[in-house]
C-alpha atoms as a PDB file:
ATOM      1  CA  UNK A   1      86.926 144.844  61.364  1.00  0.00           C
ATOM      2  CA  UNK A   2      87.856 141.152  61.405  1.00  0.00           C
ATOM      3  CA  UNK A   3      90.941 139.970  59.569  1.00  0.00           C
ATOM      4  CA  UNK A   4      90.345 138.551  56.071  1.00  0.00           C
ATOM      5  CA  UNK A   5      91.544 135.125  57.298  1.00  0.00           C
ATOM      6  CA  UNK A   6      88.209 134.836  59.149  1.00  0.00           C
ATOM      7  CA  UNK A   7      86.419 134.392  55.797  1.00  0.00           C
ATOM      8  CA  UNK A   8      86.097 130.619  56.190  1.00  0.00           C
ATOM      9  CA  UNK A   9      83.681 130.013  53.319  1.00  0.00           C
ATOM     10  CA  UNK A  10      85.791 132.025  50.863  1.00  0.00           C
ATOM     11  CA  UNK A  11      82.949 134.193  49.557  1.00  0.00           C
ATOM     12  CA  UNK A  12      84.865 137.456  50.100  1.00  0.00           C
ATOM     13  CA  UNK A  13      82.578 138.493  52.978  1.00  0.00           C
ATOM     14  CA  UNK A  14      83.060 137.774  56.680  1.00  0.00           C
ATOM     15  CA  UNK A  15      79.580 136.863  57.842  1.00  0.00           C
ATOM     16  CA  UNK A  16      78.512 136.532  61.465  1.00  0.00           C
ATOM     17  CA  UNK A  17      78.756 132.758  60.992  1.00  0.00           C
ATOM     18  CA  UNK A  18      82.337 133.062  59.689  1.00  0.00           C
ATOM     19  CA  UNK A  19      83.237 135.284  62.636  1.00  0.00           C
ATOM     20  CA  UNK A  20      81.575 132.981  65.172  1.00  0.00           C
ATOM     21  CA  UNK A  21      83.373 129.906  63.857  1.00  0.00           C
ATOM     22  CA  UNK A  22      86.750 131.526  63.156  1.00  0.00           C
ATOM     23  CA  UNK A  23      87.017 132.856  66.716  1.00  0.00           C
ATOM     24  CA  UNK A  24      86.870 129.267  67.967  1.00  0.00           C
ATOM     25  CA  UNK A  25      89.965 128.378  65.940  1.00  0.00           C
ATOM     26  CA  UNK A  26      91.998 131.506  66.745  1.00  0.00           C
ATOM     27  CA  UNK A  27      94.087 129.700  69.369  1.00  0.00           C
ATOM     28  CA  UNK A  28      96.470 132.575  70.116  1.00  0.00           C
ATOM     29  CA  UNK A  29      93.610 135.125  70.150  1.00  0.00           C
ATOM     30  CA  UNK A  30      95.482 137.583  67.919  1.00  0.00           C
ATOM     31  CA  UNK A  31      92.445 138.369  65.761  1.00  0.00           C
ATOM     32  CA  UNK A  32      93.643 136.464  62.689  1.00  0.00           C
ATOM     33  CA  UNK A  33      93.952 132.823  61.694  1.00  0.00           C
ATOM     34  CA  UNK A  34      97.487 131.623  61.089  1.00  0.00           C
ATOM     35  CA  UNK A  35      98.169 129.046  58.382  1.00  0.00           C
ATOM     36  CA  UNK A  36      97.938 126.239  60.963  1.00  0.00           C
ATOM     37  CA  UNK A  37      94.769 127.615  62.562  1.00  0.00           C
ATOM     38  CA  UNK A  38      93.145 128.046  59.151  1.00  0.00           C
ATOM     39  CA  UNK A  39      94.062 124.484  58.141  1.00  0.00           C
ATOM     40  CA  UNK A  40      92.632 123.168  61.432  1.00  0.00           C
ATOM     41  CA  UNK A  41      89.430 125.169  60.912  1.00  0.00           C
ATOM     42  CA  UNK A  42      88.923 123.985  57.333  1.00  0.00           C
ATOM     43  CA  UNK A  43      89.562 120.352  58.320  1.00  0.00           C
ATOM     44  CA  UNK A  44      87.087 120.580  61.211  1.00  0.00           C
ATOM     45  CA  UNK A  45      84.466 122.265  59.034  1.00  0.00           C
ATOM     46  CA  UNK A  46      84.835 119.591  56.351  1.00  0.00           C
ATOM     47  CA  UNK A  47      84.158 116.984  59.064  1.00  0.00           C
ATOM     48  CA  UNK A  48      80.927 118.688  60.166  1.00  0.00           C
ATOM     49  CA  UNK A  49      82.107 120.940  63.024  1.00  0.00           C
ATOM     50  CA  UNK A  50      79.545 123.585  62.030  1.00  0.00           C
ATOM     51  CA  UNK A  51      76.674 121.089  62.388  1.00  0.00           C
ATOM     52  CA  UNK A  52      76.816 121.226  66.191  1.00  0.00           C
ATOM     53  CA  UNK A  53      75.570 124.833  66.141  1.00  0.00           C
ATOM     54  CA  UNK A  54      72.202 126.313  65.139  1.00  0.00           C
ATOM     55  CA  UNK A  55      72.316 129.444  62.994  1.00  0.00           C
ATOM     56  CA  UNK A  56      69.545 131.753  61.797  1.00  0.00           C
ATOM     57  CA  UNK A  57      67.133 131.296  64.691  1.00  0.00           C
ATOM     58  CA  UNK A  58      66.806 135.062  64.988  1.00  0.00           C
ATOM     59  CA  UNK A  59      65.501 135.253  61.415  1.00  0.00           C
ATOM     60  CA  UNK A  60      63.111 132.328  61.817  1.00  0.00           C
ATOM     61  CA  UNK A  61      61.330 133.813  64.827  1.00  0.00           C
ATOM     62  CA  UNK A  62      62.374 131.017  67.170  1.00  0.00           C
ATOM     63  CA  UNK A  63      63.324 132.399  70.562  1.00  0.00           C
ATOM     64  CA  UNK A  64      64.430 130.369  73.553  1.00  0.00           C
ATOM     65  CA  UNK A  65      63.898 131.671  77.044  1.00  0.00           C
ATOM     66  CA  UNK A  66      65.835 130.747  80.118  1.00  0.00           C
ATOM     67  CA  UNK A  67      64.594 131.899  83.508  1.00  0.00           C
ATOM     68  CA  UNK A  68      66.488 132.203  86.749  1.00  0.00           C
ATOM     69  CA  UNK A  69      64.733 130.892  89.838  1.00  0.00           C
ATOM     70  CA  UNK A  70      65.103 132.253  93.350  1.00  0.00           C
ATOM     71  CA  UNK A  71      66.358 130.074  96.171  1.00  0.00           C
ATOM     72  CA  UNK A  72      66.505 131.176  99.820  1.00  0.00           C
ATOM     73  CA  UNK A  73      69.971 132.736  99.673  1.00  0.00           C
ATOM     74  CA  UNK A  74      71.145 132.719  96.058  1.00  0.00           C
ATOM     75  CA  UNK A  75      69.733 132.528  92.560  1.00  0.00           C
ATOM     76  CA  UNK A  76      70.340 129.429  90.493  1.00  0.00           C
ATOM     77  CA  UNK A  77      69.845 128.657  86.861  1.00  0.00           C
ATOM     78  CA  UNK A  78      67.179 126.069  86.180  1.00  0.00           C
ATOM     79  CA  UNK A  79      69.905 124.135  84.329  1.00  0.00           C
ATOM     80  CA  UNK A  80      72.608 124.484  86.986  1.00  0.00           C
ATOM     81  CA  UNK A  81      71.148 123.672  90.370  1.00  0.00           C
ATOM     82  CA  UNK A  82      73.432 124.259  93.348  1.00  0.00           C
ATOM     83  CA  UNK A  83      75.732 126.616  91.410  1.00  0.00           C
ATOM     84  CA  UNK A  84      75.241 130.235  92.504  1.00  0.00           C
ATOM     85  CA  UNK A  85      74.849 132.660  89.618  1.00  0.00           C
ATOM     86  CA  UNK A  86      73.864 135.739  91.583  1.00  0.00           C
ATOM     87  CA  UNK A  87      74.309 136.980  95.114  1.00  0.00           C
ATOM     88  CA  UNK A  88      71.631 137.771  97.637  1.00  0.00           C
ATOM     89  CA  UNK A  89      69.896 141.060  96.903  1.00  0.00           C
ATOM     90  CA  UNK A  90      70.672 141.184  93.187  1.00  0.00           C
ATOM     91  CA  UNK A  91      67.805 141.537  90.776  1.00  0.00           C
ATOM     92  CA  UNK A  92      66.686 138.479  88.811  1.00  0.00           C
ATOM     93  CA  UNK A  93      65.501 138.983  85.249  1.00  0.00           C
ATOM     94  CA  UNK A  94      64.455 136.513  82.557  1.00  0.00           C
ATOM     95  CA  UNK A  95      67.180 135.887  80.009  1.00  0.00           C
ATOM     96  CA  UNK A  96      66.279 135.727  76.331  1.00  0.00           C
ATOM     97  CA  UNK A  97      68.587 133.754  74.076  1.00  0.00           C
ATOM     98  CA  UNK A  98      68.139 134.506  70.409  1.00  0.00           C
END
């Protein structure tokens, strides 16, 4: 169960959005936001930090797919050419990002 300091919107419930955002401000990774970390998070959120992320795509039915393509020796992501992601002989499956 996440620490109550992760309730960034102050509604008394730690939503998946609260958890997602709070983890990015937990600098010492101790599972709770210190006074400084909480102040940093609230300042960033008031300046639009949350706007760089998309939330609720799973509920709206929008699904993005990312496929791996096979090269002669290694598999590469279509977005990261020339950076091996898998080794020869490993199975390649489509990745679904929701």
